[in-house]
Structures are given as structure tokens and as C-alpha cells.
Protein backbone atom coordinates (compact mmCIF):
# COMPACT_ATOMS: atom_id res chain seq x y z
CA MET A 1 -29.32 0.84 30.08
CA LYS A 2 -30.26 -1.95 27.53
CA PHE A 3 -27.25 -2.84 25.27
CA GLN A 4 -27.62 -1.28 21.81
CA GLN A 5 -26.31 -3.43 19.33
CA LYS A 6 -25.78 -0.41 16.63
CA ARG A 7 -24.58 2.11 18.96
CA ILE A 8 -20.86 2.72 17.64
CA ALA A 9 -18.17 5.21 18.10
CA PHE A 10 -15.94 6.83 16.00
CA ILE A 11 -12.65 8.49 16.75
CA SER A 12 -10.95 11.37 15.11
CA GLU A 13 -9.15 13.03 17.34
CA HIS A 14 -7.97 16.06 15.06
CA ALA A 15 -10.74 15.97 12.45
CA SER A 16 -13.95 17.00 13.56
CA PRO A 17 -17.05 17.09 11.25
CA LEU A 18 -17.58 20.43 12.85
CA ALA A 19 -14.25 22.08 11.41
CA ASN A 20 -14.15 24.38 8.19
CA ILE A 21 -12.47 22.30 5.34
CA GLY A 22 -9.61 23.63 3.23
CA GLY A 23 -6.82 24.39 6.13
CA VAL A 24 -3.71 22.93 6.66
CA ASP A 25 -5.15 20.13 9.02
CA THR A 26 -8.88 19.78 7.79
CA GLY A 27 -9.65 18.09 4.58
CA GLY A 28 -10.71 14.50 3.46
CA GLN A 29 -10.71 13.00 6.92
CA ASN A 30 -13.19 15.75 8.13
CA VAL A 31 -15.46 14.80 5.16
CA TYR A 32 -15.08 11.06 5.52
CA VAL A 33 -15.98 11.21 9.13
CA ALA A 34 -18.98 13.41 8.96
CA GLN A 35 -20.39 11.87 5.85
CA LEU A 36 -20.13 8.29 6.87
CA ALA A 37 -21.55 9.05 10.23
CA LYS A 38 -24.51 10.62 8.61
CA HIS A 39 -25.02 8.05 6.27
CA LEU A 40 -24.76 5.38 9.02
CA ALA A 41 -27.13 6.92 10.87
CA HIS A 42 -29.46 6.96 8.10
CA ILE A 43 -29.55 3.24 7.92
CA GLY A 44 -30.01 2.64 11.61
CA TYR A 45 -26.96 3.59 13.76
CA LEU A 46 -26.51 5.75 16.47
CA VAL A 47 -22.91 7.22 16.03
CA ASP A 48 -20.85 9.34 18.75
CA VAL A 49 -18.05 10.94 17.06
CA PHE A 50 -15.18 11.50 19.77
CA THR A 51 -12.79 14.47 18.73
CA ARG A 52 -10.58 16.33 20.64
CA ARG A 53 -11.66 19.74 22.22
CA GLU A 54 -9.89 22.69 20.61
CA SER A 55 -12.01 25.52 22.39
CA THR A 56 -13.57 26.12 25.73
CA GLU A 57 -16.81 27.73 23.86
CA ILE A 58 -18.27 24.60 22.35
CA GLU A 59 -20.35 22.13 24.46
CA GLU A 60 -19.09 18.89 25.35
CA VAL A 61 -22.07 16.91 23.73
CA VAL A 62 -23.41 18.50 20.01
CA ASN A 63 -26.24 16.83 18.71
CA TRP A 64 -25.05 17.33 15.24
CA SER A 65 -27.48 15.70 12.85
CA PRO A 66 -30.14 12.74 13.74
CA GLY A 67 -28.68 9.94 15.05
CA VAL A 68 -25.12 11.61 15.23
CA ARG A 69 -23.48 13.36 18.14
CA ILE A 70 -19.96 15.40 18.39
CA ILE A 71 -18.31 14.33 21.83
CA HIS A 72 -15.58 16.79 22.50
CA VAL A 73 -12.89 15.11 24.62
CA ASN A 74 -10.60 17.13 26.97
CA ALA A 75 -7.03 16.06 25.99
CA GLY A 76 -4.45 18.68 26.29
CA PRO A 77 -5.23 22.63 26.14
CA ALA A 78 -8.31 23.36 24.69
CA GLU A 79 -6.89 25.30 21.73
CA VAL A 80 -6.01 24.26 18.14
CA ILE A 81 -2.73 22.38 18.12
CA ILE A 82 -0.86 21.01 14.65
CA LYS A 83 -1.72 16.99 14.57
CA GLU A 84 1.93 16.30 14.59
CA GLU A 85 2.11 17.60 18.21
CA ILE A 86 -1.27 15.62 19.52
CA LEU A 87 0.22 12.34 20.38
CA GLN A 88 1.29 13.25 23.66
CA TYR A 89 -2.06 13.90 24.69
CA MET A 90 -3.75 10.66 23.41
CA ASP A 91 -3.40 8.90 27.02
CA GLU A 92 -5.57 11.73 28.59
CA PHE A 93 -8.01 11.40 25.43
CA LYS A 94 -8.18 7.54 26.07
CA ASN A 95 -8.79 8.14 29.86
CA ASN A 96 -11.62 10.78 29.53
CA MET A 97 -13.26 8.74 26.71
CA ILE A 98 -13.60 5.73 28.78
CA ASN A 99 -14.75 7.71 31.52
CA PHE A 100 -17.35 9.43 29.53
CA MET A 101 -18.73 6.01 28.50
CA ILE A 102 -18.78 4.93 32.41
CA ASN A 103 -20.44 8.08 33.54
CA ARG A 104 -23.18 7.98 30.79
CA GLN A 105 -23.35 4.11 30.83
CA LEU A 106 -22.98 3.83 26.98
CA HIS A 107 -22.32 0.64 25.62
CA TYR A 108 -20.75 0.68 21.90
CA SER A 109 -20.84 -2.59 19.96
CA LEU A 110 -17.76 -1.39 17.82
CA VAL A 111 -15.11 1.57 17.86
CA HIS A 112 -14.09 2.81 14.36
CA ALA A 113 -11.17 4.63 14.62
CA ASN A 114 -9.67 7.32 11.98
CA PHE A 115 -5.88 7.83 11.80
CA PHE A 116 -3.12 6.29 13.83
CA MET A 117 -3.61 8.28 16.77
CA SER A 118 -7.48 7.19 17.09
CA ALA A 119 -6.04 3.76 16.65
CA TRP A 120 -3.91 3.81 19.52
CA VAL A 121 -6.89 5.17 21.55
CA ALA A 122 -9.11 2.32 20.25
CA MET A 123 -6.33 -0.38 21.40
CA GLY A 124 -6.65 1.14 24.91
CA ILE A 125 -10.57 0.76 24.95
CA LYS A 126 -10.34 -2.59 23.50
CA LYS A 127 -7.83 -3.79 26.13
CA GLU A 128 -9.92 -2.06 28.84
CA LEU A 129 -13.66 -2.77 27.66
CA ASP A 130 -13.16 -5.73 25.16
CA ILE A 131 -14.92 -3.52 22.40
CA PRO A 132 -13.70 -4.31 18.95
CA PHE A 133 -12.66 -1.95 16.48
CA VAL A 134 -12.05 -1.28 12.64
CA VAL A 135 -9.59 1.31 11.67
CA THR A 136 -9.59 3.51 8.35
CA PHE A 137 -5.78 4.90 8.65
CA HIS A 138 -6.16 7.61 6.14
CA ALA A 139 -2.62 8.11 5.80
CA LEU A 140 0.42 5.76 6.53
CA GLY A 141 3.64 6.84 8.23
CA HIS A 142 6.09 4.44 6.43
CA VAL A 143 4.65 5.92 2.95
CA ARG A 144 4.68 9.53 4.50
CA ARG A 145 8.47 9.00 5.35
CA ILE A 146 9.24 7.93 1.81
CA HIS A 147 7.65 11.09 0.24
CA GLN A 148 8.50 13.83 2.67
CA ALA A 149 11.51 12.26 4.58
CA GLU A 150 12.96 14.85 7.18
CA LYS A 151 9.97 17.16 6.34
CA ASP A 152 7.55 14.63 8.16
CA LYS A 153 7.18 15.92 11.77
CA PHE A 154 5.37 13.16 12.96
CA PRO A 155 7.10 11.56 16.11
CA GLU A 156 8.87 8.13 15.55
CA GLU A 157 6.22 6.30 17.40
CA ARG A 158 3.78 6.55 14.78
CA LEU A 159 5.13 3.80 12.95
CA THR A 160 5.05 1.63 15.97
CA ILE A 161 1.73 2.55 17.01
CA GLU A 162 0.67 1.75 13.36
CA GLU A 163 2.15 -1.82 13.16
CA GLU A 164 0.57 -2.68 16.36
CA ALA A 165 -2.94 -1.12 15.51
CA VAL A 166 -2.76 -3.53 12.12
CA GLN A 167 -2.18 -6.46 14.53
CA GLN A 168 -4.65 -5.48 16.98
CA ALA A 169 -7.35 -3.97 14.93
CA ASN A 170 -10.22 -6.79 14.30
CA HIS A 171 -10.61 -5.41 10.65
CA ILE A 172 -8.69 -2.54 8.64
CA ILE A 173 -10.62 -0.65 5.89
CA ALA A 174 -8.27 0.23 2.90
CA GLU A 175 -9.52 3.15 0.76
CA CYS A 176 -8.02 1.92 -2.66
CA PRO A 177 -6.01 -1.03 -4.24
CA GLN A 178 -2.39 0.78 -3.30
CA ASP A 179 -3.70 1.49 0.39
CA MET A 180 -4.22 -2.12 0.72
CA ASP A 181 -0.84 -2.96 -0.97
CA ASP A 182 0.95 -0.73 1.16
CA LEU A 183 -0.73 -2.21 4.43
CA ILE A 184 0.80 -5.56 3.35
CA ASN A 185 4.02 -4.22 2.11
CA TYR A 186 5.00 -2.36 5.06
CA TYR A 187 2.97 -3.43 8.15
CA ASN A 188 2.78 -7.18 7.11
CA ALA A 189 -0.90 -6.92 7.59
CA PRO A 190 -2.85 -10.11 6.87
CA LYS A 191 -4.66 -9.84 3.51
CA ASN A 192 -7.81 -11.56 4.86
CA LYS A 193 -8.16 -8.72 7.45
CA ILE A 194 -8.53 -5.74 5.07
CA THR A 195 -11.41 -4.60 3.14
CA ILE A 196 -11.11 -2.20 0.21
CA ILE A 197 -13.90 0.55 0.66
CA PRO A 198 -13.30 3.89 -1.28
CA CYS A 199 -14.46 7.25 0.02
CA GLY A 200 -17.40 8.82 -1.54
CA PHE A 201 -19.20 11.91 -2.49
CA SER A 202 -22.37 13.74 -1.29
CA ALA A 203 -24.60 13.72 -4.50
CA THR A 204 -26.75 16.45 -2.50
CA GLU A 205 -23.84 18.79 -2.24
CA PHE A 206 -22.06 17.87 -5.69
CA TYR A 207 -23.99 17.71 -9.06
CA PRO A 208 -23.82 19.34 -12.48
CA ILE A 209 -24.68 22.83 -12.93
CA ASP A 210 -24.81 24.97 -16.08
CA LYS A 211 -21.45 26.43 -16.42
CA GLU A 212 -22.13 29.86 -17.31
CA CYS A 213 -24.55 30.29 -14.19
CA ALA A 214 -21.62 28.68 -12.17
CA ARG A 215 -19.08 31.18 -13.23
CA LYS A 216 -21.46 33.99 -12.36
CA ILE A 217 -22.09 32.80 -8.89
CA ALA A 218 -18.27 32.38 -8.12
CA GLY A 219 -17.36 35.56 -9.81
CA LEU A 220 -15.09 33.76 -12.52
CA PRO A 221 -14.66 34.80 -16.18
CA GLN A 222 -17.04 33.44 -18.78
CA SER A 223 -15.06 33.54 -22.26
CA GLU A 224 -11.66 31.83 -20.98
CA HIS A 225 -10.97 28.66 -20.37
CA LEU A 226 -10.61 27.92 -16.59
CA ILE A 227 -8.70 24.92 -15.05
CA LEU A 228 -9.20 24.36 -11.32
CA GLN A 229 -6.85 23.51 -8.38
CA LEU A 230 -8.90 22.85 -5.16
CA GLY A 231 -7.83 21.46 -1.84
CA ARG A 232 -5.53 22.07 0.99
CA MET A 233 -2.57 24.14 0.62
CA VAL A 234 0.08 22.19 1.71
CA PRO A 235 3.33 21.27 -0.32
CA ARG A 236 2.60 17.55 -0.90
CA LYS A 237 -0.57 18.66 -2.82
CA GLY A 238 1.44 19.78 -5.67
CA VAL A 239 0.27 22.93 -6.51
CA ASP A 240 3.45 24.51 -7.62
CA ASN A 241 3.60 21.34 -10.15
CA VAL A 242 0.13 23.05 -11.65
CA ILE A 243 1.47 26.37 -11.77
CA GLN A 244 4.65 25.24 -13.59
CA ALA A 245 2.63 23.33 -15.93
CA LEU A 246 0.69 26.49 -16.76
CA ALA A 247 3.42 28.21 -18.16
CA LYS A 248 3.81 25.09 -20.63
CA VAL A 249 0.49 25.25 -21.77
CA LYS A 250 0.29 25.88 -25.63
CA PRO A 251 -2.28 28.66 -26.85
CA THR A 252 -6.06 27.12 -26.92
CA GLY A 253 -7.84 29.99 -28.64
CA LYS A 254 -8.75 31.45 -25.51
CA PRO A 255 -7.16 32.96 -22.51
CA ILE A 256 -6.38 30.50 -19.96
CA LYS A 257 -7.02 30.96 -16.14
CA LEU A 258 -5.86 28.99 -13.33
CA VAL A 259 -7.98 29.07 -10.35
CA ILE A 260 -6.61 27.94 -7.01
CA VAL A 261 -9.10 27.44 -4.07
CA GLY A 262 -7.94 26.60 -0.71
CA GLY A 263 -5.77 28.12 2.18
CA GLU A 264 -6.08 28.80 5.88
CA CYS A 265 -8.44 32.12 5.37
CA GLU A 266 -10.74 33.47 2.98
CA GLU A 267 -8.08 36.66 2.24
CA LEU A 268 -4.58 35.05 1.60
CA GLU A 269 -1.33 37.20 2.71
CA GLU A 270 2.22 36.27 2.29
CA GLU A 271 2.91 37.13 5.79
CA THR A 272 0.60 35.05 7.40
CA CYS A 273 0.47 31.96 5.05
CA PRO A 274 4.05 30.61 4.29
CA GLU A 275 2.64 28.18 1.52
CA TYR A 276 0.79 30.84 0.03
CA ALA A 277 3.77 32.95 -0.04
CA ARG A 278 5.82 30.02 -1.69
CA LEU A 279 3.33 29.48 -4.24
CA ILE A 280 2.73 33.26 -5.48
CA ASP A 281 6.93 33.35 -5.90
CA ILE A 282 6.68 30.53 -8.01
CA VAL A 283 3.73 32.48 -9.76
CA ARG A 284 6.01 35.25 -10.43
CA GLN A 285 8.87 33.31 -11.22
CA HIS A 286 7.13 31.81 -14.33
CA HIS A 287 5.56 35.38 -15.25
CA VAL A 288 1.94 34.02 -14.90
CA GLU A 289 0.57 36.48 -12.33
CA ASN A 290 -2.32 37.32 -15.00
CA GLN A 291 -3.24 33.93 -15.50
CA VAL A 292 -3.54 32.82 -11.74
CA ILE A 293 -6.45 33.35 -9.72
CA PHE A 294 -6.03 32.90 -5.59
CA THR A 295 -9.51 32.83 -4.09
CA GLY A 296 -8.55 31.77 -0.73
CA ARG A 297 -10.50 29.36 1.32
CA LYS A 298 -14.24 28.78 0.48
CA ASN A 299 -17.28 27.58 2.51
CA ARG A 300 -18.06 23.74 1.76
CA ASP A 301 -21.32 24.89 -0.10
CA GLN A 302 -19.57 27.20 -2.37
CA LEU A 303 -17.60 24.64 -3.94
CA LYS A 304 -19.76 23.08 -6.28
CA TYR A 305 -19.91 26.27 -8.17
CA TYR A 306 -16.10 26.13 -8.73
CA TYR A 307 -16.14 22.56 -9.80
CA ALA A 308 -18.71 23.08 -12.31
CA ALA A 309 -17.24 26.53 -13.57
CA ALA A 310 -14.00 24.82 -14.76
CA ASP A 311 -13.26 23.32 -17.82
CA VAL A 312 -10.91 20.95 -16.27
CA PHE A 313 -9.99 19.85 -12.82
CA ILE A 314 -6.45 19.17 -12.00
CA THR A 315 -4.88 17.44 -8.78
CA THR A 316 -1.61 16.25 -8.70
CA PRO A 317 -0.29 15.43 -5.27
CA TRP A 318 3.18 13.79 -4.72
CA TYR A 319 1.10 10.80 -3.11
CA GLU A 320 -2.54 10.65 -2.16
CA PRO A 321 -4.36 7.85 0.14
CA PHE A 322 -7.18 8.36 -1.62
CA GLY A 323 -8.57 12.08 -2.36
CA ILE A 324 -12.07 13.10 -2.39
CA THR A 325 -11.89 16.09 -4.53
CA PRO A 326 -11.72 14.11 -7.77
CA LEU A 327 -15.13 12.50 -6.97
CA GLU A 328 -16.59 15.77 -6.07
CA ALA A 329 -15.13 17.61 -9.49
CA MET A 330 -16.49 14.37 -11.42
CA ALA A 331 -19.90 14.50 -9.80
CA CYS A 332 -19.98 18.16 -11.09
CA GLY A 333 -19.35 17.09 -14.57
CA THR A 334 -15.57 18.21 -14.64
CA PRO A 335 -13.02 16.17 -16.53
CA VAL A 336 -9.97 15.43 -14.27
CA ILE A 337 -6.31 15.26 -14.67
CA GLY A 338 -4.71 13.71 -11.78
CA SER A 339 -1.57 12.40 -10.68
CA ASN A 340 -0.83 8.51 -11.01
CA VAL A 341 -0.80 7.73 -7.43
CA GLY A 342 -2.82 6.22 -4.68
CA GLY A 343 -6.34 6.64 -4.83
CA ILE A 344 -6.77 8.87 -7.74
CA LYS A 345 -5.43 6.11 -10.22
CA TYR A 346 -8.49 4.29 -8.72
CA SER A 347 -11.04 7.06 -8.77
CA VAL A 348 -10.31 8.43 -11.97
CA ALA A 349 -10.76 6.16 -15.13
CA ASP A 350 -7.96 6.84 -17.38
CA GLY A 351 -9.13 8.02 -20.88
CA GLU A 352 -12.59 7.82 -19.73
CA THR A 353 -13.40 10.40 -16.92
CA GLY A 354 -9.91 12.11 -17.18
CA VAL A 355 -6.42 11.46 -17.63
CA LEU A 356 -3.57 10.19 -15.46
CA VAL A 357 -0.18 12.03 -15.43
CA PRO A 358 3.22 11.50 -13.41
CA ALA A 359 3.44 13.39 -10.47
CA HIS A 360 6.25 16.13 -10.49
CA ASP A 361 6.14 16.30 -14.08
CA PRO A 362 4.85 19.87 -15.33
CA ASP A 363 5.71 19.09 -18.79
CA ALA A 364 3.54 16.04 -18.91
CA LEU A 365 0.85 18.06 -17.32
CA GLY A 366 1.05 20.89 -19.34
CA GLU A 367 0.76 18.68 -22.60
CA LYS A 368 -2.31 17.16 -21.06
CA ILE A 369 -3.93 20.49 -20.18
CA THR A 370 -3.39 21.70 -23.67
CA TRP A 371 -4.92 18.39 -25.33
CA LEU A 372 -8.02 18.49 -23.22
CA LEU A 373 -8.60 22.13 -23.74
CA ASN A 374 -8.40 21.73 -27.43
CA ASN A 375 -10.97 19.03 -27.66
CA GLU A 376 -14.40 20.05 -26.36
CA GLU A 377 -15.76 16.88 -27.49
CA VAL A 378 -13.43 14.75 -25.61
CA ARG A 379 -14.20 16.92 -22.64
CA ASN A 380 -18.00 16.57 -22.87
CA GLU A 381 -17.44 12.74 -23.34
CA PHE A 382 -15.48 12.30 -19.96
CA SER A 383 -17.89 14.68 -18.57
CA HIS A 384 -20.71 12.33 -19.11
CA ASN A 385 -18.68 9.37 -18.05
CA ALA A 386 -17.25 11.19 -14.85
CA ILE A 387 -21.10 11.72 -13.67
CA GLU A 388 -22.00 8.22 -14.43
CA ARG A 389 -19.04 6.67 -12.58
CA VAL A 390 -19.46 8.56 -9.58
CA ASN A 391 -22.98 7.99 -9.15
CA THR A 392 -22.47 4.18 -9.69
CA HIS A 393 -19.45 3.63 -7.48
CA PHE A 394 -18.69 6.10 -4.98
CA THR A 395 -21.83 7.71 -3.30
CA TRP A 396 -21.64 7.74 0.33
CA ALA A 397 -24.88 5.91 0.50
CA GLU A 398 -22.85 2.87 -1.12
CA VAL A 399 -19.78 3.46 0.96
CA ALA A 400 -21.99 3.12 4.13
CA HIS A 401 -23.36 0.08 3.06
CA HIS A 402 -20.29 -1.72 2.50
CA VAL A 403 -19.15 -0.39 5.85
CA ASN A 404 -22.33 -1.64 7.39
CA GLN A 405 -21.69 -5.28 5.72
CA LEU A 406 -18.25 -5.02 7.31
CA TYR A 407 -19.57 -4.06 10.85
CA ARG A 408 -21.95 -6.89 10.67
CA CYS A 409 -19.13 -9.57 9.87
CA THR A 410 -16.95 -8.00 12.82
CA GLN A 411 -18.51 -9.62 15.71
CA PRO A 412 -18.84 -7.59 18.82
CA VAL A 413 -17.21 -8.75 22.07
CA ALA A 414 -18.56 -5.74 24.28
CA LYS A 415 -19.23 -6.45 27.85
CA GLU A 416 -22.98 -6.32 28.73
CA SER A 417 -22.18 -3.51 31.59
CA ILE A 418 -18.87 -1.29 31.93
CA ALA A 419 -20.35 -0.31 35.18
CA LEU A 420 -17.56 -2.94 36.84
CA LEU A 421 -15.02 -0.51 35.96
CA SER A 422 -16.21 2.35 38.35
CA ASN A 423 -13.81 1.91 40.82
CA SER A 424 -10.59 0.98 38.21
CA LYS A 425 -7.66 3.11 37.85
CA ILE A 426 -9.00 4.15 34.60
CA GLN A 427 -12.18 5.97 36.26
CA ALA A 428 -9.96 7.59 38.84
CA ALA A 429 -7.66 9.20 36.04
């Protein structure tokens, strides 16, 4: 088979483009992999996304979109496993991925690893096949340990794998300046090996919609102030902080509703969703039962209506490597109040498209909610600025353009043929 310069392999062991977004282990990385693959294909790449098989019902190879295939790799039982327990199956993943490449006579000029376990696989492939790799970590173990301490359930080996991947990677993509600083400070990553390329939003999925129309479609009140929290329902996202802040918001002349979108399923139940049970208990403690709407998880094609329906979007995680939801909210013309951390302080222009507040500070958040809801002129100005900012700097087409430039600078060293490995121990595994 003729070598194809633009055939690349994505590895995303736990975050498939096919997954439903909004669960405990599905979110920004799924969107990143899906959108970047699509947009790279649009400019001429052939992209294979290798992800762990989670069901026996799905085909090994799924032709997902023009130029993009999803390859399901056997690694452990074919069932959903929480990402903290997947590392033990990565050796099998690596061997089966290489066997797939050999058996199909596929030649990749580059591997793009996503997350530390994918980086571990990419290191093995580089060692066996001399294929260079780029890595986007999406989150760093050292940073996670700082914020979650003993609640972090990833194996200790994560830190060692990340440290090794930083040294072996041909290049590293940092998603924001804070991400680059963390790579340098905690992993001694060479600065000249890092390029900052942010995440993006899809202009075909997220755009301004008339607020009254959006509220009708979403089934939300028309005559009230609506504040929106949307994303994965896990403790570090700070949903509890938003609920506590709601109780501190001063009167704005209209009733106020907090709409919380996300969760493991569309119908949330305390018995089956521990995080929902924890949050609803906080709602009761602060006596705001009549002001909070839990919608459960929504399909991705419904999210734009919730963003557009809101007067303000709020996201106050403890830490955030980047955070795609603020981009999506701004694309719909909704001002953002975000915590002054990670990628949020990079994507949200404080005082122009929204405001930044300290994490874990419901008093400060409540004060900013009150101020913004009482200032329609400011909200309109922020809305205009937000739409302009994201469409100028944060489209997936722009992201793909910069990633393409990075790929072109990462010189391929792939062998002309991997058929020579047919009798190797990897083939036999």
C-alpha cells in the first residue's frame, strides 16, 4: 500500500466521538476528539480514532464521517469501565492497535494521543514503529492531585507516565497558558516543545437564537431571569457553589430560576445518581427548591436552546484544563460568569464577555449574578462581544488550522512498511 502522508491516528481510550455527552466520563475530550478529527478531515487528512471497545454490539470499524473512522480496540471486558480503572488494559490496547495496523497494512505519519493513557500507548507505538506522536493531555495528574487529594482515584503510575510522555512526545499541545505553565512547573517540559492551541466550538451547532423561541423549545419560563449551569455532574465542576450562590442573590425585579443541565440520564433519581442526591440536599439546605430546575442530561442538539434561553451562563469549577461550555454559551450570545482558573480565565474576557470570580466563593458569585441580572445593557454588550470573540478566536476550523501547522512541523519518521513486524512478538500478542 502506498504511504499516505496525511493519514493520522488519534488515540482516545475512554472518550469516543460516539458517546453521549454529559456523563461522569464523557465531556470535553469527546467533543475535542470528534470536532478536531472532522475538521482535519475537511482539510485533507484521513483520521482513524482508536478508542476502547465498550460493547460487543458495535462494529470494529465505524465509518463515522467523511475521512474519519472510529476503530474499537479490544482492551479488557467489552463494557463501560470508569476511566480510573482502565490503565490495566492499556498494554492489551497497544498490542491490538498495532496488530490492527499490521493486518490492515496501515501507515500513519503521526499519532495524536489524548489523555495520559493514550500517551502511554503512543509511546509504545513510537518505540515499535518509529511513528512520532503529539499529545494533548486534557488534564494533568499533578494538578488533579492538588485539587482532589485523596479523592483522586487514578493509579499512582499516572504521574510517572505523564512525566515520561512529556519527554518522549515529539510535541505537546497545551490548551491554555495555565496548562503550559503547569507542564513546565510540574513536569519540566521544555518550553520549545509546547504549543498553545485552545479548544473550539462548532458554529453549526451553537449560534444566537431568539430568547423567547429558545425558552419555548426548551420548555422554560418566559418571564423570569434564568441562570444556567450546564456540564458534567461531578463535584469538581462546582455546581454546589452555584446553588449556594443562588441563595445569596438579591432581588432583581423578576423571579430567578437556576437551570442545571447534565447528569447520567435524562430522569435523575437520588437512588441512582449520588452527585444529584448530594446537590438536591444542598438545594434543600438553602431552601431554594422552588428556584432550581434539574433537567437531567440532554442530547447535544438540544443544548443550544438552553444556552440561548439563559440570561447568564455560570461555570465555577475548582480547576479546568480548558472548558468548552463557556465557548458554546458565548457563541449563543450568553454572558458567562466563570471561575478564575485554567482555561476559563483564558477564554472568558473579564469585563468584556462576562466576569471572572474566585472558585469556592458563593458570596462573590452571588454578588456578580445580582449585578449582571440588574444590568440589561451590560448583558447586551457582553453578548455582542462574546459572539465576536469566539467566532474570531475559537472556531474548530481555526483550531484545526493551527494543529495542521503543528503536524507539518513534526517531521514523520514512520517506516515505509510495517510488514517487517509480522513475525514480531507484538504480532503474536
